[in-house]
Amino acid sequence: MEAGRKLLNGVESNGKVFFICCISILLCGSSVEGLSRPSENAIRFLAKPELSVLNEIRIQLSDQKNPLHINYPGEINRLYLQAGDKLLWLAPDTVKMHAGDAMMILDCVLQYGLSHRDYHPQELLYDKLNLYTSKFSKIPFAKKARFDILLTDAMLTLMNNLHYGKLNPEHTAEQIDASGFTGFRANNTLMSALKSGDFTGVVAGVQPKSKMYLNLQYRMHLLEGRYTAECYTVPESDIRKMAINMERLRWVSTDNPVYMLVNIPAATLNLITPETSYQFKVVVGRPSSPTPVQRGVVDFFTLAQPGPRWAFESNKVMKISIRGGAYKQLFNKKQRSLSMGSVLVEQPAKLAGLLLKQDNAMVLAFEMNNAIANHKTKKINLKNPVPVIITYLTCEVKDGVMITYRDIYKQDKNLEMALYGIKQPFIINNKINL
């Protein structure tokens, strides 16, 4: 089985070149024949506990010689409580469990822009899994519990990394793990996956659903996992650029079907609707006065005279607003990082009209057009506030082609180093062989 793992993901590094060949088993809901569905009694079996798993967690966390290092102790405790304080993954090899599925998912984390080292690779080994299941009754409970706990932590960590991102500035691992946290709970979803006939699909389903993210993830999938043992030469910088921008998109994921996304490096605003998306040119802050990355809502806009001058704003406190109606000549420039930090949008009247259309407020659209024609000042409230995401994406994939944008605020290098755990800058122009 160790050979199978090497085939799934062989990584050899000489400092400049990485060789990666990985069988893809995950792509937004795909599953592997023969591995996806447990036997009928697998969930009910959940390995006879010789001792309490929860007690074993406490014992091994305090072990001075070989301490247990886990990322989400709170979620782990909640999950084992849900499971009746029993093993989740290990059982005699005559009982179908999802340990093999989970191990293969962890083997292919590169296609999500993540790193194996974050998921206990030194302890989660195929030979251990084979030994512990084939000789289940002869293995001490402490060893089985340790493997089971670490595999649980690895999967919880992966699912949180896929959903929130590894380095989310708003949601740290400690916050997510706290009992009072009200967002996505990986322990609940993992329990659902264990009971599901589509384990890999449930795990992959925690990712963002935005088209920009899915396009990047599919491109990464093609590069890292489409063909078995067939290699491609791809610039290493492209792989890392896709990885850090997938990470950024995890930070700003939204379930709202209508929202505005401002991409600072591209100097664009996209109004996303269930049917389509509309793109507008914007002017963003210059490097000396950068536009901040942030989230908020627009719940009203105003047009003021003379001009008209437009402002798309919120009754809640936002650091900046989206404005329009001035400096029209700036939108003809290719590089539009020219403002003092505000976002200036081209065609603000069109944007306002589209917002009112999504708000089912065509009467207000008529009033807006009348105010424009008669040079009047007007404030219009939206019944349904529209989320605004101002983010920093230096690449995206359109029609299968990767497009890069200038790193105007020089943020890519620091995020790459943090995501990959590197203390020194990367060597430029390396190649990654897939």
Protein backbone atom coordinates (compact mmCIF):
# COMPACT_ATOMS: atom_id res chain seq x y z
CA MET A 1 0.00 0.00 0.00
CA GLU A 2 3.00 2.24 0.50
CA ALA A 3 3.71 1.83 -3.19
CA GLY A 4 0.18 2.97 -3.91
CA ARG A 5 0.76 6.10 -1.90
CA LYS A 6 3.97 6.84 -3.79
CA LEU A 7 2.13 6.44 -7.08
CA LEU A 8 -0.62 8.77 -5.90
CA ASN A 9 1.81 11.46 -4.93
CA GLY A 10 5.54 11.29 -5.50
CA VAL A 11 7.36 14.46 -4.67
CA GLU A 12 11.09 14.79 -5.20
CA SER A 13 12.85 18.12 -4.69
CA ASN A 14 16.39 19.20 -5.58
CA GLY A 15 15.80 22.77 -4.42
CA LYS A 16 14.69 23.96 -7.84
CA VAL A 17 12.57 21.24 -9.35
CA PHE A 18 9.61 19.36 -7.94
CA PHE A 19 8.34 16.17 -9.57
CA ILE A 20 4.68 15.59 -8.85
CA CYS A 21 2.42 12.88 -10.22
CA CYS A 22 -0.89 12.44 -8.47
CA ILE A 23 -4.00 10.44 -9.24
CA SER A 24 -6.93 12.79 -8.82
CA ILE A 25 -9.68 11.47 -6.63
CA LEU A 26 -11.30 14.75 -5.66
CA LEU A 27 -12.98 17.28 -7.87
CA CYS A 28 -15.94 19.08 -6.34
CA GLY A 29 -18.05 16.05 -5.57
CA SER A 30 -16.36 13.21 -7.48
CA SER A 31 -15.91 9.83 -5.82
CA VAL A 32 -13.78 6.71 -6.31
CA GLU A 33 -15.39 3.44 -7.25
CA GLY A 34 -14.93 0.89 -4.56
CA LEU A 35 -13.82 3.40 -1.95
CA SER A 36 -16.77 5.72 -1.58
CA ARG A 37 -19.44 3.65 0.18
CA PRO A 38 -18.97 1.91 3.53
CA SER A 39 -20.36 -1.51 4.28
CA GLU A 40 -23.87 -1.52 5.73
CA ASN A 41 -22.74 -1.88 9.35
CA ALA A 42 -19.64 0.35 9.21
CA ILE A 43 -21.06 3.35 11.02
CA ARG A 44 -22.80 1.15 13.58
CA PHE A 45 -19.59 -0.81 14.17
CA LEU A 46 -17.18 2.07 14.81
CA ALA A 47 -14.65 -0.31 16.40
CA LYS A 48 -15.28 -1.77 19.85
CA PRO A 49 -13.63 0.63 22.36
CA GLU A 50 -11.27 -1.08 24.75
CA LEU A 51 -10.86 2.32 26.38
CA SER A 52 -12.34 5.77 25.91
CA VAL A 53 -11.00 7.68 22.90
CA LEU A 54 -11.70 10.96 24.69
CA ASN A 55 -9.68 9.77 27.67
CA GLU A 56 -6.89 8.71 25.33
CA ILE A 57 -6.83 12.22 23.85
CA ARG A 58 -6.27 13.69 27.31
CA ILE A 59 -3.56 11.15 28.15
CA GLN A 60 -1.63 11.60 24.91
CA LEU A 61 -1.87 15.40 24.92
CA SER A 62 -0.03 15.39 28.25
CA ASP A 63 2.55 12.76 27.24
CA GLN A 64 5.95 14.44 27.66
CA LYS A 65 7.86 11.92 25.54
CA ASN A 66 5.54 11.68 22.56
CA PRO A 67 2.88 14.39 22.85
CA LEU A 68 -0.14 14.44 20.58
CA HIS A 69 -0.14 17.58 18.41
CA ILE A 70 -3.60 18.42 17.09
CA ASN A 71 -5.02 21.56 15.51
CA TYR A 72 -8.69 21.34 16.47
CA PRO A 73 -9.03 19.73 19.94
CA GLY A 74 -12.50 21.18 20.47
CA GLU A 75 -13.90 19.85 17.21
CA ILE A 76 -12.22 16.49 17.80
CA ASN A 77 -13.88 16.14 21.20
CA ARG A 78 -17.26 17.13 19.78
CA LEU A 79 -16.92 14.62 16.94
CA TYR A 80 -15.98 11.69 19.18
CA LEU A 81 -18.85 12.58 21.50
CA GLN A 82 -21.15 12.41 18.47
CA ALA A 83 -19.67 9.00 17.61
CA GLY A 84 -20.23 7.59 21.08
CA ASP A 85 -16.58 7.89 22.18
CA LYS A 86 -15.52 5.22 19.67
CA LEU A 87 -12.94 4.98 16.91
CA LEU A 88 -14.04 6.61 13.66
CA TRP A 89 -11.64 5.09 11.13
CA LEU A 90 -10.11 1.86 12.38
CA ALA A 91 -11.78 -1.52 12.46
CA PRO A 92 -10.87 -5.07 11.43
CA ASP A 93 -10.20 -5.21 7.70
CA THR A 94 -13.41 -7.18 7.21
CA VAL A 95 -15.40 -4.01 8.00
CA LYS A 96 -15.49 -1.26 5.37
CA MET A 97 -14.55 2.09 6.85
CA HIS A 98 -13.51 5.39 5.23
CA ALA A 99 -9.87 5.46 6.38
CA GLY A 100 -8.62 4.59 2.89
CA ASP A 101 -10.74 7.33 1.32
CA ALA A 102 -9.43 9.88 3.82
CA MET A 103 -5.79 8.87 3.29
CA MET A 104 -6.11 9.19 -0.47
CA ILE A 105 -7.73 12.62 -0.12
CA LEU A 106 -4.79 13.74 2.02
CA ASP A 107 -2.40 12.40 -0.62
CA CYS A 108 -3.82 14.80 -3.20
CA VAL A 109 -4.07 18.08 -1.27
CA LEU A 110 -1.68 19.72 -3.74
CA GLN A 111 -4.49 20.12 -6.24
CA TYR A 112 -6.12 22.46 -3.72
CA GLY A 113 -3.00 24.56 -3.28
CA LEU A 114 -2.33 23.04 0.15
CA SER A 115 0.69 21.23 1.62
CA HIS A 116 1.02 17.66 2.89
CA ARG A 117 3.04 18.72 5.94
CA ASP A 118 -0.06 20.30 7.50
CA TYR A 119 -1.85 16.94 7.82
CA HIS A 120 0.38 14.71 10.00
CA PRO A 121 2.23 12.93 7.14
CA GLN A 122 4.87 11.44 9.46
CA GLU A 123 2.30 9.42 11.39
CA LEU A 124 -0.51 8.77 8.92
CA LEU A 125 1.20 6.02 6.93
CA TYR A 126 -0.36 3.33 4.78
CA ASP A 127 1.70 0.58 6.37
CA LYS A 128 0.33 1.57 9.78
CA LEU A 129 -3.22 1.57 8.45
CA ASN A 130 -2.71 -1.86 6.92
CA LEU A 131 -1.14 -3.24 10.11
CA TYR A 132 -3.78 -1.78 12.42
CA THR A 133 -6.69 -3.13 10.39
CA SER A 134 -5.23 -6.54 9.51
CA LYS A 135 -4.13 -7.22 13.12
CA PHE A 136 -6.75 -5.07 14.79
CA SER A 137 -7.26 -7.14 17.95
CA LYS A 138 -3.52 -7.41 18.60
CA ILE A 139 -2.70 -3.69 18.38
CA PRO A 140 -2.74 -1.76 21.69
CA PHE A 141 -5.67 0.59 21.95
CA ALA A 142 -3.40 3.57 22.59
CA LYS A 143 -1.72 3.13 19.19
CA LYS A 144 -5.01 2.69 17.36
CA ALA A 145 -6.50 5.69 19.14
CA ARG A 146 -3.51 7.86 18.25
CA PHE A 147 -3.77 7.01 14.56
CA ASP A 148 -7.54 7.51 14.61
CA ILE A 149 -7.30 10.87 16.40
CA LEU A 150 -4.60 12.17 14.05
CA LEU A 151 -6.56 11.12 10.97
CA THR A 152 -9.61 12.89 12.40
CA ASP A 153 -7.56 16.03 13.06
CA ALA A 154 -6.06 15.89 9.57
CA MET A 155 -9.49 15.72 7.96
CA LEU A 156 -10.93 18.47 10.17
CA THR A 157 -7.91 20.64 9.37
CA LEU A 158 -8.25 19.98 5.65
CA MET A 159 -11.97 20.77 5.63
CA ASN A 160 -11.46 24.00 7.56
CA ASN A 161 -8.58 24.92 5.25
CA LEU A 162 -10.76 24.26 2.21
CA HIS A 163 -13.68 26.26 3.60
CA TYR A 164 -12.07 29.17 5.45
CA GLY A 165 -8.50 29.05 4.17
CA LYS A 166 -5.38 28.19 6.12
CA LEU A 167 -4.44 31.82 6.90
CA ASN A 168 -7.83 33.51 7.13
CA PRO A 169 -7.25 36.87 8.89
CA GLU A 170 -10.82 36.94 10.26
CA HIS A 171 -11.20 33.31 11.37
CA THR A 172 -8.22 31.74 13.12
CA ALA A 173 -8.05 28.05 13.99
CA GLU A 174 -8.58 28.93 17.66
CA GLN A 175 -11.74 30.90 16.87
CA ILE A 176 -13.13 28.17 14.61
CA ASP A 177 -12.42 25.54 17.28
CA ALA A 178 -14.16 27.46 20.08
CA SER A 179 -17.45 26.09 21.37
CA GLY A 180 -19.31 29.35 20.75
CA PHE A 181 -18.31 29.68 17.09
CA THR A 182 -21.41 29.92 14.89
CA GLY A 183 -20.00 29.43 11.39
CA PHE A 184 -19.33 26.28 9.37
CA ARG A 185 -18.57 23.32 11.63
CA ALA A 186 -16.21 20.76 10.11
CA ASN A 187 -17.00 18.16 12.79
CA ASN A 188 -20.68 18.07 11.79
CA THR A 189 -19.86 17.82 8.09
CA LEU A 190 -17.24 15.13 8.67
CA MET A 191 -19.78 13.06 10.61
CA SER A 192 -22.17 13.44 7.68
CA ALA A 193 -19.41 12.33 5.31
CA LEU A 194 -18.71 9.23 7.40
CA LYS A 195 -22.37 8.24 7.10
CA SER A 196 -22.60 9.15 3.42
CA GLY A 197 -22.31 7.03 0.33
CA ASP A 198 -20.23 9.83 -1.22
CA PHE A 199 -17.52 10.53 1.34
CA THR A 200 -15.19 12.39 -1.03
CA GLY A 201 -18.04 14.45 -2.46
CA VAL A 202 -19.14 15.66 0.97
CA VAL A 203 -15.56 16.62 1.87
CA ALA A 204 -14.96 18.44 -1.42
CA GLY A 205 -18.30 20.20 -1.08
CA VAL A 206 -17.05 22.45 1.74
CA GLN A 207 -15.12 24.59 -0.76
CA PRO A 208 -16.29 27.99 -2.04
CA LYS A 209 -18.84 27.84 -4.86
CA SER A 210 -17.82 31.01 -6.72
CA LYS A 211 -16.98 30.67 -10.40
CA MET A 212 -13.59 32.33 -9.90
CA TYR A 213 -12.62 29.76 -7.27
CA LEU A 214 -13.96 26.77 -9.20
CA ASN A 215 -12.11 27.86 -12.35
CA LEU A 216 -8.83 28.07 -10.45
CA GLN A 217 -9.44 24.77 -8.67
CA TYR A 218 -10.25 23.01 -11.94
CA ARG A 219 -7.10 24.40 -13.55
CA MET A 220 -5.06 23.17 -10.59
CA HIS A 221 -6.80 19.79 -10.87
CA LEU A 222 -5.81 19.53 -14.54
CA LEU A 223 -2.19 20.34 -13.75
CA GLU A 224 -1.83 18.09 -10.71
CA GLY A 225 -4.19 15.21 -11.09
CA ARG A 226 -5.83 14.62 -14.45
CA TYR A 227 -3.63 11.88 -15.83
CA THR A 228 -2.03 8.94 -14.05
CA ALA A 229 1.78 8.96 -14.18
CA GLU A 230 1.82 11.48 -17.05
CA CYS A 231 3.94 14.56 -16.51
CA TYR A 232 3.70 18.21 -17.54
CA THR A 233 6.18 21.05 -17.19
CA VAL A 234 4.56 24.07 -15.56
CA PRO A 235 6.21 27.19 -14.12
CA GLU A 236 6.44 26.75 -10.37
CA SER A 237 5.47 30.39 -9.97
CA ASP A 238 2.14 29.69 -11.71
CA ILE A 239 1.31 26.86 -9.30
CA ARG A 240 2.06 29.03 -6.30
CA LYS A 241 0.20 32.00 -7.71
CA MET A 242 -2.91 29.87 -8.21
CA ALA A 243 -2.55 28.46 -4.69
CA ILE A 244 -2.37 31.84 -2.95
CA ASN A 245 -5.31 33.19 -4.92
CA MET A 246 -7.42 30.13 -4.11
CA GLU A 247 -6.52 30.87 -0.49
CA ARG A 248 -7.68 34.50 -0.86
CA LEU A 249 -10.97 33.41 -2.40
CA ARG A 250 -11.62 31.13 0.59
CA TRP A 251 -11.39 34.18 2.85
CA VAL A 252 -14.16 36.02 1.01
CA SER A 253 -16.61 33.24 0.17
CA THR A 254 -20.29 34.22 0.37
CA ASP A 255 -23.55 32.31 0.07
CA ASN A 256 -25.44 35.36 -1.18
CA PRO A 257 -26.48 34.85 -4.84
CA VAL A 258 -26.05 38.58 -5.59
CA TYR A 259 -22.87 40.40 -4.59
CA MET A 260 -20.23 42.81 -5.85
CA LEU A 261 -16.59 41.76 -6.04
CA VAL A 262 -13.88 44.37 -6.52
CA ASN A 263 -10.52 42.94 -7.55
CA ILE A 264 -7.85 45.51 -6.75
CA PRO A 265 -5.02 44.26 -9.05
CA ALA A 266 -7.40 43.84 -12.02
CA ALA A 267 -9.08 47.21 -11.27
CA THR A 268 -12.50 45.71 -11.95
CA LEU A 269 -15.85 45.41 -10.21
CA ASN A 270 -18.02 42.39 -10.97
CA LEU A 271 -21.70 42.37 -10.07
CA ILE A 272 -22.49 38.67 -9.64
CA THR A 273 -26.10 37.53 -10.09
CA PRO A 274 -27.65 34.05 -10.35
CA GLU A 275 -28.03 34.47 -14.11
CA THR A 276 -24.80 36.20 -15.14
CA SER A 277 -22.16 38.71 -14.10
CA TYR A 278 -21.49 42.29 -15.15
CA GLN A 279 -18.02 43.79 -15.18
CA PHE A 280 -17.13 47.45 -14.65
CA LYS A 281 -13.79 49.22 -14.77
CA VAL A 282 -12.73 50.80 -11.51
CA VAL A 283 -9.94 53.00 -10.25
CA VAL A 284 -8.29 51.80 -7.03
CA GLY A 285 -5.79 53.21 -4.58
CA ARG A 286 -2.22 53.89 -5.57
CA PRO A 287 0.53 51.96 -3.73
CA SER A 288 1.13 54.91 -1.40
CA SER A 289 -2.58 55.00 -0.42
CA PRO A 290 -3.82 51.44 -1.04
CA THR A 291 -7.44 50.39 -1.18
CA PRO A 292 -8.02 48.09 1.83
CA VAL A 293 -9.24 44.53 1.46
CA GLN A 294 -12.58 44.33 3.24
CA ARG A 295 -16.15 43.07 3.25
CA GLY A 296 -19.33 45.04 3.72
CA VAL A 297 -22.70 45.76 2.15
CA VAL A 298 -24.27 48.45 0.01
CA ASP A 299 -27.77 49.25 1.20
CA PHE A 300 -28.27 52.67 -0.42
CA PHE A 301 -26.81 54.91 -3.08
CA THR A 302 -27.01 58.62 -3.77
CA LEU A 303 -26.62 60.83 -6.80
CA ALA A 304 -25.73 64.41 -6.08
CA GLN A 305 -25.52 67.52 -8.22
CA PRO A 306 -23.71 68.92 -10.04
CA GLY A 307 -22.48 65.89 -11.90
CA PRO A 308 -24.23 63.77 -11.05
CA ARG A 309 -21.81 62.37 -8.48
CA TRP A 310 -22.58 58.87 -7.24
CA ALA A 311 -21.87 57.10 -3.97
CA PHE A 312 -22.72 53.46 -3.19
CA GLU A 313 -22.64 53.24 0.58
CA SER A 314 -23.74 51.46 3.72
CA ASN A 315 -25.53 52.50 6.86
CA LYS A 316 -22.93 50.38 8.62
CA VAL A 317 -19.40 51.68 9.04
CA MET A 318 -17.17 50.93 6.05
CA LYS A 319 -13.65 52.17 5.53
CA ILE A 320 -14.42 53.30 2.01
CA SER A 321 -17.33 53.68 -0.39
CA ILE A 322 -17.68 53.07 -4.09
CA ARG A 323 -18.01 56.31 -6.00
CA GLY A 324 -18.60 57.36 -9.58
CA GLY A 325 -19.24 60.29 -11.88
CA ALA A 326 -15.84 61.97 -11.81
CA TYR A 327 -12.42 61.55 -13.39
CA LYS A 328 -13.83 59.76 -16.43
CA GLN A 329 -10.51 59.99 -18.27
CA LEU A 330 -8.88 57.66 -15.73
CA PHE A 331 -10.89 54.67 -16.93
CA ASN A 332 -9.10 54.72 -20.29
CA LYS A 333 -5.78 53.91 -18.63
CA LYS A 334 -4.50 50.34 -18.50
CA GLN A 335 -3.09 50.74 -14.99
CA ARG A 336 -5.77 52.27 -12.79
CA SER A 337 -4.21 52.25 -9.32
CA LEU A 338 -4.53 56.02 -9.16
CA SER A 339 -6.90 57.06 -6.35
CA MET A 340 -6.27 58.03 -2.74
CA GLY A 341 -7.82 54.73 -1.62
CA SER A 342 -11.43 55.01 -2.75
CA VAL A 343 -12.94 52.79 -5.43
CA LEU A 344 -14.18 54.82 -8.40
CA VAL A 345 -16.51 52.96 -10.77
CA GLU A 346 -17.17 53.62 -14.44
CA GLN A 347 -20.82 53.75 -15.57
CA PRO A 348 -22.29 54.22 -12.07
CA ALA A 349 -25.81 54.78 -13.45
CA LYS A 350 -25.71 51.35 -15.12
CA LEU A 351 -24.53 49.75 -11.88
CA ALA A 352 -27.31 51.48 -9.94
CA GLY A 353 -29.90 50.31 -12.46
CA LEU A 354 -28.70 46.71 -12.21
CA LEU A 355 -28.83 46.83 -8.41
CA LEU A 356 -32.42 48.07 -8.56
CA LYS A 357 -33.30 45.35 -11.05
CA GLN A 358 -31.95 42.69 -8.68
CA ASP A 359 -33.89 44.39 -5.88
CA ASN A 360 -37.15 44.20 -7.91
CA ALA A 361 -37.46 47.96 -7.59
CA MET A 362 -38.13 49.17 -11.13
CA VAL A 363 -40.31 52.03 -9.83
CA LEU A 364 -37.25 53.37 -8.06
CA ALA A 365 -35.26 52.90 -11.26
CA PHE A 366 -37.76 55.18 -13.01
CA GLU A 367 -37.37 57.76 -10.22
CA MET A 368 -33.58 57.52 -10.52
CA ASN A 369 -33.65 58.14 -14.27
CA ASN A 370 -36.00 61.06 -13.72
CA ALA A 371 -33.60 62.57 -11.17
CA ILE A 372 -30.70 62.19 -13.60
CA ALA A 373 -32.66 63.86 -16.42
CA ASN A 374 -33.74 66.75 -14.19
CA HIS A 375 -30.36 67.19 -12.46
CA LYS A 376 -31.80 66.45 -9.03
CA THR A 377 -30.21 64.95 -5.94
CA LYS A 378 -31.63 61.58 -4.97
CA LYS A 379 -31.04 58.92 -2.29
CA ILE A 380 -32.33 55.42 -2.99
CA ASN A 381 -32.46 52.63 -0.41
CA LEU A 382 -32.17 48.97 -1.34
CA LYS A 383 -34.62 46.55 0.26
CA ASN A 384 -32.02 43.80 0.10
CA PRO A 385 -28.49 44.94 0.96
CA VAL A 386 -25.89 43.72 -1.53
CA PRO A 387 -22.63 42.27 -0.12
CA VAL A 388 -19.46 43.98 -1.29
CA ILE A 389 -16.18 42.07 -1.32
CA ILE A 390 -13.01 44.04 -1.99
CA THR A 391 -10.22 41.54 -2.48
CA TYR A 392 -6.75 41.18 -3.94
CA LEU A 393 -6.44 38.55 -6.68
CA THR A 394 -3.35 38.49 -8.87
CA CYS A 395 -4.61 35.76 -11.18
CA GLU A 396 -7.77 34.11 -12.43
CA VAL A 397 -8.71 31.54 -15.05
CA LYS A 398 -10.96 32.50 -17.96
CA ASP A 399 -11.91 30.00 -20.66
CA GLY A 400 -9.24 27.64 -19.35
CA VAL A 401 -6.45 30.22 -19.64
CA MET A 402 -4.63 31.65 -16.64
CA ILE A 403 -4.56 35.46 -16.58
CA THR A 404 -2.19 37.28 -14.23
CA TYR A 405 -2.41 40.82 -12.86
CA ARG A 406 0.31 43.11 -11.59
CA ASP A 407 1.00 42.72 -7.89
CA ILE A 408 0.61 46.45 -7.33
CA TYR A 409 0.87 46.34 -3.53
CA LYS A 410 3.59 43.64 -3.47
CA GLN A 411 1.54 41.23 -1.35
CA ASP A 412 2.11 37.92 -3.15
CA LYS A 413 5.56 37.09 -1.80
CA ASN A 414 4.59 37.37 1.86
CA LEU A 415 1.48 35.24 1.38
CA GLU A 416 3.43 32.60 -0.56
CA MET A 417 6.00 32.37 2.19
CA ALA A 418 3.33 32.13 4.89
CA LEU A 419 1.25 29.54 3.00
CA TYR A 420 4.25 27.35 2.22
CA GLY A 421 6.03 27.88 5.56
CA ILE A 422 9.13 29.34 3.89
CA LYS A 423 11.42 31.82 5.65
CA GLN A 424 13.45 32.75 2.57
CA PRO A 425 12.07 34.11 -0.74
CA PHE A 426 11.43 31.58 -3.49
CA ILE A 427 13.88 31.23 -6.36
CA ILE A 428 12.34 32.84 -9.42
CA ASN A 429 11.69 30.94 -12.67
CA ASN A 430 11.82 27.46 -11.16
CA LYS A 431 9.84 24.79 -12.99
CA ILE A 432 7.48 22.28 -11.49
CA ASN A 433 7.16 18.99 -13.36
CA LEU A 434 3.79 17.32 -13.05
